[in-house]
PDB file of all heavy atoms in Angstrom:
ATOM      1  N   LEU A   1      45.770 -73.163   7.067  1.00  0.00           N
ATOM      2  CA  LEU A   1      45.534 -73.370   8.487  1.00  0.00           C
ATOM      3  C   LEU A   1      44.477 -74.418   8.797  1.00  0.00           C
ATOM      4  O   LEU A   1      44.505 -75.010   9.874  1.00  0.00           O
ATOM      5  CB  LEU A   1      45.135 -72.049   9.165  1.00  0.00           C
ATOM      6  CG  LEU A   1      46.220 -70.983   9.246  1.00  0.00           C
ATOM      7  CD1 LEU A   1      45.761 -69.824  10.110  1.00  0.00           C
ATOM      8  CD2 LEU A   1      47.526 -71.551   9.787  1.00  0.00           C
ATOM      9  N   VAL A   2      43.544 -74.623   7.909  1.00  0.00           N
ATOM     10  CA  VAL A   2      42.536 -75.646   8.191  1.00  0.00           C
ATOM     11  C   VAL A   2      42.936 -76.929   7.477  1.00  0.00           C
ATOM     12  O   VAL A   2      43.260 -76.943   6.297  1.00  0.00           O
ATOM     13  CB  VAL A   2      41.126 -75.201   7.761  1.00  0.00           C
ATOM     14  CG1 VAL A   2      41.025 -74.993   6.272  1.00  0.00           C
ATOM     15  CG2 VAL A   2      40.076 -76.200   8.226  1.00  0.00           C
ATOM     16  N   SER A   3      42.943 -78.023   8.217  1.00  0.00           N
ATOM     17  CA  SER A   3      43.404 -79.297   7.675  1.00  0.00           C
ATOM     18  C   SER A   3      42.285 -80.007   6.928  1.00  0.00           C
ATOM     19  O   SER A   3      41.114 -79.916   7.292  1.00  0.00           O
ATOM     20  CB  SER A   3      43.900 -80.181   8.822  1.00  0.00           C
ATOM     21  OG  SER A   3      44.113 -81.506   8.389  1.00  0.00           O
ATOM     22  N   SER A   4      42.662 -80.732   5.910  1.00  0.00           N
ATOM     23  CA  SER A   4      41.689 -81.571   5.211  1.00  0.00           C
ATOM     24  C   SER A   4      41.202 -82.707   6.096  1.00  0.00           C
ATOM     25  O   SER A   4      40.189 -83.340   5.803  1.00  0.00           O
ATOM     26  CB  SER A   4      42.310 -82.140   3.930  1.00  0.00           C
ATOM     27  OG  SER A   4      43.454 -82.926   4.235  1.00  0.00           O
ATOM     28  N   ASP A   5      41.924 -82.969   7.215  1.00  0.00           N
ATOM     29  CA  ASP A   5      41.501 -83.984   8.173  1.00  0.00           C
ATOM     30  C   ASP A   5      40.693 -83.389   9.316  1.00  0.00           C
ATOM     31  O   ASP A   5      40.497 -84.036  10.349  1.00  0.00           O
ATOM     32  CB  ASP A   5      42.720 -84.721   8.743  1.00  0.00           C
ATOM     33  CG  ASP A   5      43.214 -85.816   7.815  1.00  0.00           C
ATOM     34  OD1 ASP A   5      42.417 -86.318   7.010  1.00  0.00           O
ATOM     35  OD2 ASP A   5      44.407 -86.157   7.887  1.00  0.00           O
ATOM     36  N   SER A   6      40.226 -82.155   9.150  1.00  0.00           N
ATOM     37  CA  SER A   6      39.346 -81.525  10.130  1.00  0.00           C
ATOM     38  C   SER A   6      37.933 -81.436   9.572  1.00  0.00           C
ATOM     39  O   SER A   6      37.722 -81.143   8.393  1.00  0.00           O
ATOM     40  CB  SER A   6      39.845 -80.120  10.478  1.00  0.00           C
ATOM     41  OG  SER A   6      38.874 -79.422  11.248  1.00  0.00           O
ATOM     42  N   ASP A   7      36.964 -81.661  10.426  1.00  0.00           N
ATOM     43  CA  ASP A   7      35.571 -81.559  10.008  1.00  0.00           C
ATOM     44  C   ASP A   7      35.205 -80.129   9.650  1.00  0.00           C
ATOM     45  O   ASP A   7      34.224 -79.897   8.937  1.00  0.00           O
ATOM     46  CB  ASP A   7      34.661 -82.075  11.126  1.00  0.00           C
ATOM     47  CG  ASP A   7      33.298 -82.510  10.620  1.00  0.00           C
ATOM     48  OD1 ASP A   7      33.234 -83.210   9.588  1.00  0.00           O
ATOM     49  OD2 ASP A   7      32.277 -82.144  11.246  1.00  0.00           O
ATOM     50  N   TRP A   8      35.997 -79.166  10.130  1.00  0.00           N
ATOM     51  CA  TRP A   8      35.733 -77.772   9.768  1.00  0.00           C
ATOM     52  C   TRP A   8      35.995 -77.507   8.291  1.00  0.00           C
ATOM     53  O   TRP A   8      35.489 -76.537   7.737  1.00  0.00           O
ATOM     54  CB  TRP A   8      36.625 -76.836  10.598  1.00  0.00           C
ATOM     55  CG  TRP A   8      36.239 -76.753  12.037  1.00  0.00           C
ATOM     56  CD1 TRP A   8      35.098 -77.240  12.618  1.00  0.00           C
ATOM     57  CD2 TRP A   8      36.989 -76.152  13.083  1.00  0.00           C
ATOM     58  NE1 TRP A   8      35.095 -76.979  13.955  1.00  0.00           N
ATOM     59  CE2 TRP A   8      36.241 -76.319  14.283  1.00  0.00           C
ATOM     60  CE3 TRP A   8      38.209 -75.498  13.137  1.00  0.00           C
ATOM     61  CZ2 TRP A   8      36.698 -75.829  15.514  1.00  0.00           C
ATOM     62  CZ3 TRP A   8      38.662 -75.029  14.360  1.00  0.00           C
ATOM     63  CH2 TRP A   8      37.905 -75.189  15.538  1.00  0.00           C
ATOM     64  N   ASN A   9      36.774 -78.350   7.656  1.00  0.00           N
ATOM     65  CA  ASN A   9      37.168 -78.112   6.276  1.00  0.00           C
ATOM     66  C   ASN A   9      35.975 -77.942   5.346  1.00  0.00           C
ATOM     67  O   ASN A   9      36.005 -77.136   4.407  1.00  0.00           O
ATOM     68  CB  ASN A   9      38.057 -79.258   5.792  1.00  0.00           C
ATOM     69  CG  ASN A   9      38.575 -79.059   4.390  1.00  0.00           C
ATOM     70  OD1 ASN A   9      38.025 -79.608   3.428  1.00  0.00           O
ATOM     71  ND2 ASN A   9      39.622 -78.266   4.257  1.00  0.00           N
ATOM     72  N   LYS A  10      34.895 -78.661   5.604  1.00  0.00           N
ATOM     73  CA  LYS A  10      33.747 -78.605   4.698  1.00  0.00           C
ATOM     74  C   LYS A  10      32.998 -77.279   4.783  1.00  0.00           C
ATOM     75  O   LYS A  10      32.229 -76.938   3.884  1.00  0.00           O
ATOM     76  CB  LYS A  10      32.797 -79.764   4.987  1.00  0.00           C
ATOM     77  CG  LYS A  10      32.236 -79.811   6.388  1.00  0.00           C
ATOM     78  CD  LYS A  10      31.473 -81.113   6.610  1.00  0.00           C
ATOM     79  CE  LYS A  10      30.950 -81.221   8.048  1.00  0.00           C
ATOM     80  NZ  LYS A  10      30.328 -82.543   8.293  1.00  0.00           N
ATOM     81  N   TYR A  11      33.210 -76.530   5.863  1.00  0.00           N
ATOM     82  CA  TYR A  11      32.527 -75.249   6.011  1.00  0.00           C
ATOM     83  C   TYR A  11      33.353 -74.071   5.520  1.00  0.00           C
ATOM     84  O   TYR A  11      32.836 -72.963   5.372  1.00  0.00           O
ATOM     85  CB  TYR A  11      32.163 -75.018   7.482  1.00  0.00           C
ATOM     86  CG  TYR A  11      31.260 -76.080   8.058  1.00  0.00           C
ATOM     87  CD1 TYR A  11      31.729 -76.954   9.027  1.00  0.00           C
ATOM     88  CD2 TYR A  11      29.945 -76.214   7.620  1.00  0.00           C
ATOM     89  CE1 TYR A  11      30.899 -77.932   9.561  1.00  0.00           C
ATOM     90  CE2 TYR A  11      29.109 -77.190   8.142  1.00  0.00           C
ATOM     91  CZ  TYR A  11      29.598 -78.051   9.115  1.00  0.00           C
ATOM     92  OH  TYR A  11      28.776 -79.020   9.634  1.00  0.00           O
ATOM     93  N   VAL A  12      34.644 -74.289   5.295  1.00  0.00           N
ATOM     94  CA  VAL A  12      35.527 -73.171   4.963  1.00  0.00           C
ATOM     95  C   VAL A  12      35.112 -72.431   3.693  1.00  0.00           C
ATOM     96  O   VAL A  12      35.086 -71.199   3.675  1.00  0.00           O
ATOM     97  CB  VAL A  12      36.986 -73.651   4.885  1.00  0.00           C
ATOM     98  CG1 VAL A  12      37.880 -72.585   4.274  1.00  0.00           C
ATOM     99  CG2 VAL A  12      37.488 -74.019   6.276  1.00  0.00           C
ATOM    100  N   PRO A  13      34.787 -73.120   2.578  1.00  0.00           N
ATOM    101  CA  PRO A  13      34.424 -72.369   1.367  1.00  0.00           C
ATOM    102  C   PRO A  13      33.260 -71.411   1.592  1.00  0.00           C
ATOM    103  O   PRO A  13      33.278 -70.271   1.104  1.00  0.00           O
ATOM    104  CB  PRO A  13      34.058 -73.480   0.369  1.00  0.00           C
ATOM    105  CG  PRO A  13      34.837 -74.666   0.830  1.00  0.00           C
ATOM    106  CD  PRO A  13      34.827 -74.578   2.321  1.00  0.00           C
ATOM    107  N   LEU A  14      32.251 -71.841   2.342  1.00  0.00           N
ATOM    108  CA  LEU A  14      31.102 -70.973   2.582  1.00  0.00           C
ATOM    109  C   LEU A  14      31.480 -69.789   3.455  1.00  0.00           C
ATOM    110  O   LEU A  14      31.091 -68.650   3.194  1.00  0.00           O
ATOM    111  CB  LEU A  14      29.976 -71.772   3.234  1.00  0.00           C
ATOM    112  CG  LEU A  14      28.702 -70.991   3.523  1.00  0.00           C
ATOM    113  CD1 LEU A  14      28.090 -70.461   2.223  1.00  0.00           C
ATOM    114  CD2 LEU A  14      27.693 -71.851   4.268  1.00  0.00           C
ATOM    115  N   VAL A  15      32.292 -70.040   4.501  1.00  0.00           N
ATOM    116  CA  VAL A  15      32.693 -68.948   5.379  1.00  0.00           C
ATOM    117  C   VAL A  15      33.602 -67.974   4.638  1.00  0.00           C
ATOM    118  O   VAL A  15      33.505 -66.755   4.805  1.00  0.00           O
ATOM    119  CB  VAL A  15      33.398 -69.499   6.631  1.00  0.00           C
ATOM    120  CG1 VAL A  15      33.905 -68.373   7.515  1.00  0.00           C
ATOM    121  CG2 VAL A  15      32.446 -70.395   7.414  1.00  0.00           C
ATOM    122  N   GLN A  16      34.488 -68.506   3.779  1.00  0.00           N
ATOM    123  CA  GLN A  16      35.361 -67.640   2.997  1.00  0.00           C
ATOM    124  C   GLN A  16      34.551 -66.745   2.066  1.00  0.00           C
ATOM    125  O   GLN A  16      34.816 -65.553   1.923  1.00  0.00           O
ATOM    126  CB  GLN A  16      36.331 -68.480   2.165  1.00  0.00           C
ATOM    127  CG  GLN A  16      37.480 -69.070   2.952  1.00  0.00           C
ATOM    128  CD  GLN A  16      38.385 -69.866   2.051  1.00  0.00           C
ATOM    129  OE1 GLN A  16      37.944 -70.704   1.260  1.00  0.00           O
ATOM    130  NE2 GLN A  16      39.672 -69.623   2.153  1.00  0.00           N
ATOM    131  N   ALA A  17      33.563 -67.322   1.411  1.00  0.00           N
ATOM    132  CA  ALA A  17      32.735 -66.536   0.487  1.00  0.00           C
ATOM    133  C   ALA A  17      31.946 -65.477   1.236  1.00  0.00           C
ATOM    134  O   ALA A  17      31.772 -64.357   0.759  1.00  0.00           O
ATOM    135  CB  ALA A  17      31.791 -67.454  -0.281  1.00  0.00           C
ATOM    136  N   ALA A  18      31.478 -65.828   2.452  1.00  0.00           N
ATOM    137  CA  ALA A  18      30.794 -64.882   3.335  1.00  0.00           C
ATOM    138  C   ALA A  18      29.660 -64.152   2.619  1.00  0.00           C
ATOM    139  O   ALA A  18      29.466 -62.959   2.792  1.00  0.00           O
ATOM    140  CB  ALA A  18      31.794 -63.889   3.908  1.00  0.00           C
ATOM    141  N   GLU A  19      28.907 -64.856   1.819  1.00  0.00           N
ATOM    142  CA  GLU A  19      27.753 -64.268   1.140  1.00  0.00           C
ATOM    143  C   GLU A  19      26.581 -64.304   2.115  1.00  0.00           C
ATOM    144  O   GLU A  19      26.181 -65.384   2.567  1.00  0.00           O
ATOM    145  CB  GLU A  19      27.458 -65.069  -0.126  1.00  0.00           C
ATOM    146  CG  GLU A  19      26.623 -64.334  -1.150  1.00  0.00           C
ATOM    147  CD  GLU A  19      25.180 -64.266  -0.733  1.00  0.00           C
ATOM    148  OE1 GLU A  19      24.568 -65.336  -0.516  1.00  0.00           O
ATOM    149  OE2 GLU A  19      24.673 -63.128  -0.577  1.00  0.00           O
ATOM    150  N   PRO A  20      26.037 -63.155   2.512  1.00  0.00           N
ATOM    151  CA  PRO A  20      25.055 -63.121   3.606  1.00  0.00           C
ATOM    152  C   PRO A  20      23.859 -64.036   3.395  1.00  0.00           C
ATOM    153  O   PRO A  20      23.408 -64.692   4.335  1.00  0.00           O
ATOM    154  CB  PRO A  20      24.637 -61.643   3.654  1.00  0.00           C
ATOM    155  CG  PRO A  20      25.780 -60.904   3.055  1.00  0.00           C
ATOM    156  CD  PRO A  20      26.358 -61.805   2.012  1.00  0.00           C
ATOM    157  N   ASN A  21      23.315 -64.056   2.178  1.00  0.00           N
ATOM    158  CA  ASN A  21      22.150 -64.902   1.933  1.00  0.00           C
ATOM    159  C   ASN A  21      22.491 -66.380   2.101  1.00  0.00           C
ATOM    160  O   ASN A  21      21.704 -67.152   2.651  1.00  0.00           O
ATOM    161  CB  ASN A  21      21.615 -64.650   0.528  1.00  0.00           C
ATOM    162  CG  ASN A  21      21.092 -63.234   0.367  1.00  0.00           C
ATOM    163  OD1 ASN A  21      20.181 -62.820   1.073  1.00  0.00           O
ATOM    164  ND2 ASN A  21      21.714 -62.476  -0.534  1.00  0.00           N
ATOM    165  N   ALA A  22      23.703 -66.778   1.644  1.00  0.00           N
ATOM    166  CA  ALA A  22      24.097 -68.181   1.753  1.00  0.00           C
ATOM    167  C   ALA A  22      24.345 -68.559   3.208  1.00  0.00           C
ATOM    168  O   ALA A  22      23.957 -69.650   3.660  1.00  0.00           O
ATOM    169  CB  ALA A  22      25.348 -68.442   0.923  1.00  0.00           C
ATOM    170  N   VAL A  23      24.997 -67.656   3.972  1.00  0.00           N
ATOM    171  CA  VAL A  23      25.238 -67.935   5.380  1.00  0.00           C
ATOM    172  C   VAL A  23      23.916 -68.024   6.138  1.00  0.00           C
ATOM    173  O   VAL A  23      23.709 -68.914   6.969  1.00  0.00           O
ATOM    174  CB  VAL A  23      26.156 -66.867   5.996  1.00  0.00           C
ATOM    175  CG1 VAL A  23      26.299 -67.080   7.498  1.00  0.00           C
ATOM    176  CG2 VAL A  23      27.521 -66.877   5.328  1.00  0.00           C
ATOM    177  N   ALA A  24      23.005 -67.108   5.848  1.00  0.00           N
ATOM    178  CA  ALA A  24      21.697 -67.147   6.495  1.00  0.00           C
ATOM    179  C   ALA A  24      20.964 -68.445   6.158  1.00  0.00           C
ATOM    180  O   ALA A  24      20.340 -69.071   7.024  1.00  0.00           O
ATOM    181  CB  ALA A  24      20.865 -65.944   6.074  1.00  0.00           C
ATOM    182  N   PHE A  25      21.042 -68.860   4.895  1.00  0.00           N
ATOM    183  CA  PHE A  25      20.391 -70.104   4.478  1.00  0.00           C
ATOM    184  C   PHE A  25      20.989 -71.299   5.224  1.00  0.00           C
ATOM    185  O   PHE A  25      20.258 -72.194   5.684  1.00  0.00           O
ATOM    186  CB  PHE A  25      20.542 -70.291   2.971  1.00  0.00           C
ATOM    187  CG  PHE A  25      19.964 -71.583   2.451  1.00  0.00           C
ATOM    188  CD1 PHE A  25      18.589 -71.712   2.265  1.00  0.00           C
ATOM    189  CD2 PHE A  25      20.789 -72.662   2.170  1.00  0.00           C
ATOM    190  CE1 PHE A  25      18.053 -72.913   1.809  1.00  0.00           C
ATOM    191  CE2 PHE A  25      20.253 -73.854   1.711  1.00  0.00           C
ATOM    192  CZ  PHE A  25      18.881 -73.980   1.524  1.00  0.00           C
ATOM    193  N   LEU A  26      22.326 -71.308   5.355  1.00  0.00           N
ATOM    194  CA  LEU A  26      22.978 -72.403   6.073  1.00  0.00           C
ATOM    195  C   LEU A  26      22.517 -72.437   7.520  1.00  0.00           C
ATOM    196  O   LEU A  26      22.194 -73.510   8.063  1.00  0.00           O
ATOM    197  CB  LEU A  26      24.496 -72.230   6.014  1.00  0.00           C
ATOM    198  CG  LEU A  26      25.303 -73.266   6.808  1.00  0.00           C
ATOM    199  CD1 LEU A  26      25.229 -74.628   6.144  1.00  0.00           C
ATOM    200  CD2 LEU A  26      26.757 -72.833   6.931  1.00  0.00           C
ATOM    201  N   LEU A  27      22.471 -71.282   8.183  1.00  0.00           N
ATOM    202  CA  LEU A  27      22.056 -71.246   9.578  1.00  0.00           C
ATOM    203  C   LEU A  27      20.611 -71.706   9.746  1.00  0.00           C
ATOM    204  O   LEU A  27      20.263 -72.378  10.722  1.00  0.00           O
ATOM    205  CB  LEU A  27      22.232 -69.832  10.140  1.00  0.00           C
ATOM    206  CG  LEU A  27      23.676 -69.347  10.311  1.00  0.00           C
ATOM    207  CD1 LEU A  27      23.708 -67.890  10.718  1.00  0.00           C
ATOM    208  CD2 LEU A  27      24.404 -70.195  11.346  1.00  0.00           C
ATOM    209  N   LYS A  28      19.761 -71.359   8.783  1.00  0.00           N
ATOM    210  CA  LYS A  28      18.353 -71.750   8.890  1.00  0.00           C
ATOM    211  C   LYS A  28      18.142 -73.235   8.625  1.00  0.00           C
ATOM    212  O   LYS A  28      17.306 -73.880   9.267  1.00  0.00           O
ATOM    213  CB  LYS A  28      17.512 -70.920   7.923  1.00  0.00           C
ATOM    214  CG  LYS A  28      17.367 -69.461   8.340  1.00  0.00           C
ATOM    215  CD  LYS A  28      16.530 -68.680   7.337  1.00  0.00           C
ATOM    216  CE  LYS A  28      16.326 -67.236   7.800  1.00  0.00           C
ATOM    217  NZ  LYS A  28      15.513 -66.450   6.833  1.00  0.00           N
ATOM    218  N   THR A  29      18.898 -73.787   7.676  1.00  0.00           N
ATOM    219  CA  THR A  29      18.674 -75.184   7.299  1.00  0.00           C
ATOM    220  C   THR A  29      19.461 -76.160   8.156  1.00  0.00           C
ATOM    221  O   THR A  29      18.962 -77.231   8.502  1.00  0.00           O
ATOM    222  CB  THR A  29      19.037 -75.405   5.817  1.00  0.00           C
ATOM    223  OG1 THR A  29      20.383 -74.987   5.592  1.00  0.00           O
ATOM    224  CG2 THR A  29      18.094 -74.624   4.908  1.00  0.00           C
ATOM    225  N   VAL A  30      20.703 -75.809   8.487  1.00  0.00           N
ATOM    226  CA  VAL A  30      21.545 -76.726   9.253  1.00  0.00           C
ATOM    227  C   VAL A  30      21.371 -76.507  10.759  1.00  0.00           C
ATOM    228  O   VAL A  30      21.157 -77.459  11.516  1.00  0.00           O
ATOM    229  CB  VAL A  30      23.030 -76.569   8.867  1.00  0.00           C
ATOM    230  CG1 VAL A  30      23.905 -77.458   9.732  1.00  0.00           C
ATOM    231  CG2 VAL A  30      23.219 -76.901   7.396  1.00  0.00           C
ATOM    232  N   ALA A  31      21.444 -75.251  11.207  1.00  0.00           N
ATOM    233  CA  ALA A  31      21.328 -74.958  12.640  1.00  0.00           C
ATOM    234  C   ALA A  31      19.888 -74.776  13.086  1.00  0.00           C
ATOM    235  O   ALA A  31      19.625 -74.619  14.276  1.00  0.00           O
ATOM    236  CB  ALA A  31      22.149 -73.714  12.984  1.00  0.00           C
ATOM    237  N   GLN A  32      18.939 -74.771  12.108  1.00  0.00           N
ATOM    238  CA  GLN A  32      17.514 -74.605  12.426  1.00  0.00           C
ATOM    239  C   GLN A  32      17.266 -73.320  13.216  1.00  0.00           C
ATOM    240  O   GLN A  32      16.483 -73.284  14.164  1.00  0.00           O
ATOM    241  CB  GLN A  32      16.998 -75.807  13.219  1.00  0.00           C
ATOM    242  CG  GLN A  32      17.107 -77.145  12.498  1.00  0.00           C
ATOM    243  CD  GLN A  32      16.188 -77.223  11.283  1.00  0.00           C
ATOM    244  OE1 GLN A  32      14.996 -76.992  11.376  1.00  0.00           O
ATOM    245  NE2 GLN A  32      16.770 -77.541  10.123  1.00  0.00           N
TER     246      GLN A  32
END
């Protein structure tokens, strides 16, 4: 469902893994 021509594609592996510490780290570093 997610296209390789979508900017969302780069986030899919992290969202699929759904590891809480990694998601929290992403939100803190990328979303500040």
